[in-house]
Protein backbone atom coordinates (compact mmCIF):
# COMPACT_ATOMS: atom_id res chain seq x y z
CA MET A 1 0.00 0.00 0.00
CA PRO A 2 1.42 3.46 -0.85
CA TRP A 3 2.78 5.48 2.07
CA THR A 4 0.83 8.43 3.39
CA ARG A 5 2.30 11.95 3.38
CA ARG A 6 2.92 11.64 7.11
CA GLN A 7 4.81 8.35 6.69
CA TRP A 8 7.10 9.93 4.09
CA THR A 9 7.67 12.92 6.39
CA LEU A 10 8.47 10.75 9.40
CA ALA A 11 10.78 8.55 7.37
CA ALA A 12 12.72 11.61 6.19
CA LEU A 13 12.97 12.95 9.74
CA ALA A 14 14.10 9.57 11.05
CA ALA A 15 16.74 9.28 8.35
CA THR A 16 18.24 12.67 9.13
CA ALA A 17 18.04 12.09 12.88
CA GLY A 18 19.40 8.57 12.47
CA CYS A 19 16.95 6.91 14.84
CA SER A 20 13.39 7.21 16.11
CA GLU A 21 10.21 7.62 14.08
CA THR A 22 9.11 10.69 16.05
CA PRO A 23 12.15 12.77 17.11
CA GLN A 24 11.87 14.85 20.26
CA SER A 25 12.74 18.01 18.35
CA PRO A 26 13.15 18.84 14.66
CA THR A 27 16.56 18.15 13.17
CA PRO A 28 18.42 21.46 12.71
CA GLU A 29 18.96 22.51 9.13
CA ALA A 30 21.88 24.44 7.68
CA PRO A 31 23.13 27.38 9.77
CA GLU A 32 20.77 30.35 9.55
CA THR A 33 21.80 33.08 7.18
CA LEU A 34 18.59 35.11 7.06
CA SER A 35 17.53 37.77 9.50
CA ALA A 36 14.01 37.51 10.90
CA ASP A 37 12.90 40.29 8.53
CA GLU A 38 14.42 38.49 5.55
CA LEU A 39 12.74 35.25 6.53
CA LEU A 40 9.37 37.00 6.86
CA ALA A 41 9.85 38.63 3.46
CA ARG A 42 10.59 35.23 1.90
CA SER A 43 7.74 33.43 3.66
CA TYR A 44 3.96 33.47 3.42
CA VAL A 45 2.59 34.39 6.84
CA ILE A 46 -1.00 33.14 7.02
CA ASP A 47 -3.34 33.26 10.04
CA LEU A 48 -6.23 30.83 9.59
CA HIS A 49 -8.59 32.38 12.13
CA CYS A 50 -9.17 35.96 13.27
CA ASP A 51 -12.49 37.13 14.75
CA THR A 52 -12.09 40.75 13.67
CA PRO A 53 -15.48 40.83 11.85
CA TRP A 54 -17.16 39.77 15.12
CA ARG A 55 -15.40 42.61 16.94
CA LYS A 56 -16.61 45.04 14.26
CA GLN A 57 -20.20 43.86 14.64
CA SER A 58 -20.29 45.08 18.25
CA ALA A 59 -18.72 48.47 17.50
CA PRO A 60 -17.51 49.39 13.98
CA PHE A 61 -13.98 50.76 13.69
CA ASP A 62 -11.57 51.77 10.96
CA LEU A 63 -9.43 48.78 10.01
CA GLY A 64 -6.87 51.19 8.60
CA ALA A 65 -6.02 52.80 11.95
CA ASN A 66 -3.62 51.42 14.55
CA HIS A 67 -5.89 50.82 17.53
CA PRO A 68 -4.63 50.61 21.12
CA ARG A 69 -7.12 47.79 21.79
CA GLY A 70 -7.74 44.62 19.83
CA GLN A 71 -5.32 42.46 17.91
CA VAL A 72 -5.91 43.01 14.19
CA ASP A 73 -5.82 46.11 11.99
CA ILE A 74 -3.84 46.99 8.89
CA PRO A 75 -0.87 48.66 10.64
CA LYS A 76 -0.52 45.66 12.97
CA MET A 77 -0.75 43.21 10.06
CA ARG A 78 1.93 45.18 8.20
CA ALA A 79 4.18 45.22 11.27
CA GLY A 80 3.74 41.45 11.62
CA GLY A 81 4.73 40.73 8.03
CA VAL A 82 1.34 39.13 7.43
CA SER A 83 0.56 37.82 3.94
CA ALA A 84 -3.00 36.59 4.48
CA VAL A 85 -5.69 36.38 7.14
CA PHE A 86 -8.85 34.31 7.21
CA PHE A 87 -11.60 36.44 8.77
CA ALA A 88 -14.21 34.36 10.59
CA VAL A 89 -17.80 34.69 9.40
CA PHE A 90 -19.35 34.02 12.79
CA ASN A 91 -22.41 34.37 14.95
CA TYR A 92 -23.18 32.22 17.97
CA GLY A 93 -24.30 28.66 17.28
CA ALA A 94 -27.86 27.46 17.64
CA ARG A 95 -29.65 24.13 17.39
CA GLY A 96 -32.38 23.31 14.92
CA ALA A 97 -33.50 25.66 12.17
CA THR A 98 -31.22 28.70 11.84
CA PRO A 99 -32.35 30.79 8.85
CA GLU A 100 -31.42 33.96 10.70
CA LYS A 101 -27.83 32.71 11.09
CA TYR A 102 -27.57 32.21 7.34
CA GLN A 103 -28.74 35.80 6.85
CA ASP A 104 -26.13 36.88 9.41
CA ALA A 105 -23.47 35.14 7.34
CA LEU A 106 -24.53 37.03 4.22
CA SER A 107 -24.40 40.33 6.11
CA ILE A 108 -20.97 39.64 7.61
CA ILE A 109 -19.57 38.68 4.22
CA ASP A 110 -20.89 41.94 2.77
CA SER A 111 -19.20 43.84 5.60
CA ILE A 112 -15.85 42.10 5.06
CA LYS A 113 -15.96 42.82 1.34
CA ALA A 114 -16.80 46.48 2.02
CA ASP A 115 -13.79 46.74 4.35
CA VAL A 116 -11.49 45.22 1.74
CA ALA A 117 -12.82 47.57 -0.95
CA SER A 118 -12.37 50.63 1.27
CA HIS A 119 -8.72 49.73 1.94
CA ALA A 120 -7.81 48.59 -1.56
CA ASP A 121 -4.27 49.99 -1.33
CA ASP A 122 -3.49 47.47 1.43
CA LEU A 123 -6.02 44.65 1.15
CA THR A 124 -7.35 42.37 -1.54
CA LEU A 125 -10.01 39.67 -1.41
CA ALA A 126 -8.51 36.23 -2.07
CA LEU A 127 -10.21 33.00 -3.09
CA SER A 128 -7.27 30.65 -3.67
CA ALA A 129 -3.64 29.90 -2.93
CA ASP A 130 -2.71 31.63 -6.20
CA ASP A 131 -4.54 34.75 -5.02
CA ILE A 132 -2.48 34.80 -1.80
CA GLU A 133 0.75 34.61 -3.81
CA ALA A 134 -0.44 37.35 -6.17
CA ALA A 135 -1.35 39.58 -3.23
CA LYS A 136 2.10 39.23 -1.70
CA ALA A 137 3.71 40.00 -5.06
CA ALA A 138 1.60 43.18 -5.20
CA ASP A 139 2.53 44.12 -1.59
CA LYS A 140 -1.04 43.64 -0.41
CA ILE A 141 -2.54 41.57 2.40
CA ALA A 142 -4.91 38.85 1.22
CA ILE A 143 -8.21 38.62 3.09
CA LEU A 144 -10.03 35.30 2.96
CA MET A 145 -13.15 34.11 4.75
CA GLY A 146 -13.91 31.06 6.86
CA ILE A 147 -17.47 30.18 7.87
CA GLU A 148 -17.32 29.47 11.61
CA GLY A 149 -20.06 26.99 12.30
CA GLY A 150 -22.29 24.78 10.19
CA HIS A 151 -25.32 26.36 11.87
CA MET A 152 -24.81 29.21 9.40
CA ILE A 153 -25.96 27.08 6.45
CA ASP A 154 -29.29 26.19 8.16
CA SER A 155 -28.91 22.51 7.16
CA ASN A 156 -29.19 23.47 3.49
CA LEU A 157 -26.63 22.49 0.85
CA ASP A 158 -27.75 25.33 -1.42
CA ASN A 159 -26.82 27.77 1.34
CA LEU A 160 -23.42 26.08 1.63
CA ARG A 161 -22.87 26.48 -2.10
CA HIS A 162 -23.86 30.13 -1.97
CA LEU A 163 -21.48 30.90 0.89
CA TYR A 164 -18.70 29.28 -1.13
CA GLU A 165 -19.63 31.36 -4.19
CA LEU A 166 -19.44 34.48 -2.02
CA GLY A 167 -15.92 33.61 -0.89
CA GLY A 168 -16.11 31.19 2.06
CA ARG A 169 -13.04 28.97 1.73
CA TYR A 170 -13.46 26.80 4.79
CA MET A 171 -16.33 25.91 7.08
CA THR A 172 -15.99 24.86 10.70
CA LEU A 173 -18.56 22.06 10.92
CA THR A 174 -19.88 23.15 14.34
CA HIS A 175 -19.38 25.86 16.90
CA SER A 176 -20.42 25.60 20.57
CA VAL A 177 -23.57 23.45 20.31
CA HIS A 178 -24.62 20.25 18.59
CA LEU A 179 -26.30 20.59 15.23
CA PRO A 180 -28.87 18.13 13.90
CA TRP A 181 -26.09 16.70 11.72
CA ALA A 182 -22.82 17.19 13.67
CA GLY A 183 -21.66 17.25 17.29
CA SER A 184 -19.75 20.01 19.09
CA SER A 185 -16.94 19.71 21.64
CA GLY A 186 -18.59 22.49 23.64
CA ASP A 187 -22.05 20.93 24.11
CA GLU A 188 -22.52 18.67 27.12
CA ALA A 189 -26.29 19.02 27.38
CA ASP A 190 -27.48 16.52 24.77
CA GLU A 191 -26.37 13.28 23.22
CA ASP A 192 -23.66 13.79 20.61
CA PRO A 193 -25.06 12.93 17.17
CA GLY A 194 -21.61 12.58 15.64
CA LEU A 195 -21.57 13.13 11.89
CA THR A 196 -24.94 12.02 10.50
CA GLU A 197 -25.73 11.00 6.94
CA PHE A 198 -26.55 14.63 6.10
CA GLY A 199 -23.29 15.68 7.74
CA ARG A 200 -21.46 13.33 5.40
CA GLU A 201 -23.27 14.98 2.49
CA VAL A 202 -22.04 18.37 3.74
CA VAL A 203 -18.43 17.13 3.86
CA ALA A 204 -18.72 15.55 0.41
CA GLU A 205 -20.13 18.77 -1.04
CA MET A 206 -17.32 20.80 0.52
CA ASN A 207 -14.85 18.43 -1.14
CA ARG A 208 -16.61 18.90 -4.47
CA LEU A 209 -16.56 22.69 -4.14
CA GLY A 210 -12.95 22.95 -2.99
CA MET A 211 -13.92 24.27 0.45
CA MET A 212 -11.67 23.16 3.31
CA VAL A 213 -13.34 21.01 5.97
CA ASP A 214 -12.49 22.55 9.35
CA LEU A 215 -12.61 20.28 12.42
CA SER A 216 -11.97 22.86 15.14
CA HIS A 217 -14.88 22.97 17.64
CA VAL A 218 -16.29 19.57 16.66
CA SER A 219 -16.78 16.64 19.04
CA ASP A 220 -14.34 13.75 18.93
CA LYS A 221 -17.05 11.56 17.38
CA THR A 222 -17.66 14.12 14.62
CA PHE A 223 -13.91 14.64 14.12
CA PHE A 224 -13.30 11.01 13.24
CA GLY A 225 -16.50 10.78 11.21
CA ALA A 226 -15.36 13.70 9.07
CA LEU A 227 -11.88 12.20 8.63
CA GLU A 228 -13.45 8.96 7.41
CA THR A 229 -15.70 10.89 5.01
CA SER A 230 -13.47 13.55 3.49
CA ALA A 231 -11.66 12.61 0.30
CA ALA A 232 -9.59 15.81 0.50
CA PRO A 233 -7.19 16.95 3.25
CA VAL A 234 -8.89 18.53 6.27
CA ILE A 235 -7.77 21.29 8.63
CA ALA A 236 -8.21 22.37 12.22
CA SER A 237 -8.26 26.14 11.77
CA HIS A 238 -7.66 27.09 15.42
CA SER A 239 -6.99 24.20 17.80
CA SER A 240 -4.10 23.32 20.09
CA CYS A 241 -2.80 20.04 21.58
CA ARG A 242 -4.74 18.04 24.16
CA ALA A 243 -1.58 16.20 25.22
CA LEU A 244 -0.26 19.53 26.55
CA ALA A 245 -3.51 21.25 27.63
CA THR A 246 -6.65 19.25 28.34
CA HIS A 247 -9.35 21.59 27.01
CA PRO A 248 -11.81 19.54 24.87
CA ARG A 249 -11.40 22.08 22.04
CA ASN A 250 -7.90 20.74 21.53
CA VAL A 251 -6.85 17.79 19.37
CA THR A 252 -5.41 14.50 20.59
CA ASP A 253 -2.23 12.96 19.26
CA ASP A 254 -4.33 10.40 17.38
CA MET A 255 -6.26 13.24 15.75
CA ILE A 256 -3.02 14.96 14.76
CA ARG A 257 -1.72 11.75 13.17
CA ARG A 258 -4.98 11.15 11.33
CA VAL A 259 -5.11 14.71 9.99
CA ALA A 260 -1.49 14.40 8.89
CA ASP A 261 -2.08 11.01 7.26
CA GLY A 262 -4.64 12.69 5.00
CA GLY A 263 -2.32 15.60 4.17
CA GLY A 264 -4.08 18.14 6.41
CA VAL A 265 -2.83 20.84 8.77
CA VAL A 266 -3.49 21.63 12.45
CA HIS A 267 -3.36 25.40 13.02
CA ILE A 268 -2.43 26.27 16.59
CA ASN A 269 -4.76 28.48 18.64
CA PHE A 270 -2.97 31.13 20.74
CA TYR A 271 -5.65 31.50 23.49
CA ASN A 272 -4.06 31.10 26.93
CA SER A 273 -6.82 28.81 28.22
CA PHE A 274 -6.38 26.45 25.25
CA ILE A 275 -2.60 26.13 25.57
CA ASP A 276 -2.01 26.32 29.33
CA ASP A 277 -3.99 24.29 31.91
CA GLU A 278 -2.39 26.19 34.77
CA TYR A 279 -3.58 29.51 33.33
CA ARG A 280 -7.01 28.04 32.68
CA SER A 281 -7.25 26.97 36.33
CA ARG A 282 -6.24 30.31 37.79
CA SER A 283 -8.46 32.29 35.41
CA ARG A 284 -11.74 30.49 36.15
CA ASP A 285 -13.17 33.53 37.92
CA TYR A 286 -12.11 35.97 35.22
CA GLU A 287 -15.28 37.26 33.54
CA ASP A 288 -14.05 38.07 30.04
CA GLY A 289 -14.13 41.78 30.73
CA ALA A 290 -11.44 42.87 28.27
CA ASP A 291 -13.64 43.32 25.24
CA PRO A 292 -12.03 45.99 23.02
CA GLU A 293 -15.17 48.14 23.02
CA THR A 294 -15.83 48.27 26.77
CA PRO A 295 -15.77 51.71 28.43
CA ALA A 296 -12.37 52.91 29.55
CA GLU A 297 -12.98 52.36 33.26
CA GLU A 298 -14.18 48.78 32.73
CA TRP A 299 -11.32 48.14 30.33
CA ASP A 300 -8.75 49.34 32.84
CA ALA A 301 -10.26 47.13 35.54
CA ALA A 302 -10.26 44.11 33.24
CA MET A 303 -6.66 44.70 32.23
CA ARG A 304 -5.64 44.96 35.89
CA LYS A 305 -7.23 41.55 36.45
CA LEU A 306 -5.39 40.12 33.47
CA HIS A 307 -2.12 41.63 34.66
CA ALA A 308 -2.66 40.01 38.05
CA LEU A 309 -3.35 36.65 36.38
CA GLY A 310 -0.15 36.90 34.35
CA ARG A 311 0.24 35.92 30.71
CA THR A 312 1.23 32.46 29.58
CA PRO A 313 4.91 32.36 28.47
CA LEU A 314 5.48 32.42 24.73
CA SER A 315 7.45 29.18 25.13
CA VAL A 316 4.19 27.37 25.97
CA LEU A 317 2.68 28.40 22.63
CA ILE A 318 5.82 27.18 20.87
CA ASP A 319 5.49 23.88 22.79
CA HIS A 320 2.19 23.28 20.95
CA ILE A 321 3.67 24.09 17.55
CA GLU A 322 6.61 21.77 18.23
CA HIS A 323 4.30 19.01 19.47
CA VAL A 324 2.31 18.90 16.23
CA ALA A 325 5.56 18.89 14.24
CA ASN A 326 6.86 15.96 16.30
CA VAL A 327 3.64 13.93 16.25
CA GLY A 328 2.35 14.66 12.76
CA GLY A 329 5.37 15.97 10.87
CA ILE A 330 6.62 19.43 9.98
CA GLU A 331 4.30 19.55 6.94
CA HIS A 332 1.20 19.55 9.14
CA VAL A 333 1.32 22.53 11.51
CA GLY A 334 0.29 26.16 10.99
CA LEU A 335 -1.07 29.24 12.77
CA GLY A 336 -4.68 29.93 13.76
CA SER A 337 -4.41 32.62 16.41
CA ASP A 338 -8.07 33.37 17.30
CA PHE A 339 -7.04 37.05 17.53
CA ASP A 340 -9.91 39.41 18.35
CA GLY A 341 -11.85 36.48 19.79
CA VAL A 342 -10.05 35.81 23.09
CA ASN A 343 -10.50 38.96 25.19
CA GLU A 344 -6.79 39.86 25.29
CA GLU A 345 -5.92 36.49 26.90
CA LEU A 346 -2.80 35.83 24.86
CA PRO A 347 0.78 34.78 25.62
CA GLU A 348 3.48 37.25 26.48
CA ALA A 349 5.11 38.76 23.38
CA MET A 350 2.09 37.62 21.32
CA GLU A 351 -0.39 40.31 22.31
CA ASP A 352 -1.52 41.05 18.75
CA ILE A 353 -0.83 40.12 15.14
CA SER A 354 2.15 42.50 14.91
CA LYS A 355 4.02 40.12 17.25
CA ILE A 356 4.02 37.11 14.90
CA PRO A 357 7.77 37.67 14.17
CA ASN A 358 8.46 36.84 17.83
CA LEU A 359 7.83 33.20 16.98
CA ILE A 360 10.96 33.04 14.83
CA PRO A 361 13.68 33.16 17.52
CA GLY A 362 11.70 30.79 19.73
CA LEU A 363 11.33 28.27 16.93
CA ARG A 364 15.01 28.58 16.04
CA ASP A 365 15.89 27.86 19.65
CA ARG A 366 14.02 24.54 19.28
CA GLY A 367 16.09 23.57 16.24
CA PHE A 368 13.69 24.60 13.49
CA GLY A 369 15.52 25.85 10.41
CA ASP A 370 14.36 28.55 8.01
CA ASP A 371 12.56 26.17 5.66
CA ALA A 372 10.64 24.56 8.53
CA ILE A 373 9.69 27.96 9.97
CA SER A 374 8.43 29.10 6.56
CA LYS A 375 6.21 26.02 6.43
CA ILE A 376 4.80 26.76 9.88
CA LEU A 377 4.18 30.44 9.13
CA GLY A 378 2.09 29.68 6.06
CA GLY A 379 3.75 27.36 3.58
CA ASN A 380 1.84 24.36 4.89
CA THR A 381 -1.42 26.27 4.58
CA LEU A 382 -0.74 27.16 0.97
CA ARG A 383 0.03 23.52 0.26
CA VAL A 384 -3.18 22.20 1.83
CA MET A 385 -5.23 24.85 0.04
CA ARG A 386 -3.74 23.77 -3.28
CA GLU A 387 -4.47 20.12 -2.56
CA VAL A 388 -8.12 20.84 -1.69
CA GLU A 389 -8.44 22.99 -4.82
CA ALA A 390 -6.81 20.31 -6.95
CA HIS A 391 -9.12 17.62 -5.59
CA ALA A 392 -12.17 19.71 -6.53
CA ASN A 393 -10.78 20.47 -9.99
CA ALA A 394 -9.98 16.81 -10.66
CA ARG A 395 -13.52 15.80 -9.73
CA GLU A 396 -14.96 18.48 -11.98
CA GLU A 397 -12.80 17.37 -14.91
CA SER A 398 -13.79 13.72 -14.48
CA ALA A 399 -17.52 14.49 -14.16
């Protein structure tokens, strides 16, 4: 039987390391010759999940200004060397019929497109891996859209197709509650349906369209059901490692291996409570008061609470990146920050998207060379996008 992508990757790592199948740290490459700025300029820096549209729904702001609160705006993206960002098309999940959520999705997409059009000197709407490369060549930031939650299609494949036509390039199968056709990791109230027959139809249609199947937020039962169903590589757009932090939103080592076996990518979430059990324990009484649009007095109080809690060290975030590389292979890890969706609860030196370059020295300290870092920053994401696109194109040509 032909080897999977992960088996080839592990074999190559084992050969260079001279021993085990899963080395404890990546094998160092040739001595570094590039500065961090040069490496960023050479790389594609792609964040798979930012909740900036959700932040703008509560209180509109100018994406072109450098704001003292929040994590994403154009000046911060420029400072971070960002090539592309997937903006989440999100509203809270709901069970049963959700026609209003579908209408919300249409409205949010319109708003994202209006923002891109009003900042055309800096931003461009992207629909493919080629579009991301063209944007970088033109010194623009590519904006893509991910549909966060299958509740936003109202159990209707025509709605799914329309959201793809409008620019949705991945869909997270669930959000915080079970759907009639897929289970959520955040819903403990009802029996988990797993991925039903209709859920399998949704996954198959996403494959046909060339829309990435996103398994962040889904229940374990749904996760494995989707892996069994999808004929194209899948992603986790913003999930961290359950072996290091036990939150049910995170992925197990078996999940990492299975995603990697299919050619997919796990994009690490930066949220302190998803990467650090100790932080999660000490922050249980924190009431999410650091919303960017809260009044100044409330904001100051919330930030004092956060300061007292203390940020998670950046090294803990890098632990999660390294863990996916060790378990699944260097080809299967990327970035999915959850910026603008985590109430300022982010690691030290990673307070907003301008701080992405701070990952480079930390990754180099772990033995990652420039080529490996480029893959983590966005090269792996471009590759998985191309494979999903190619799968859809091949099906269309054979039809």
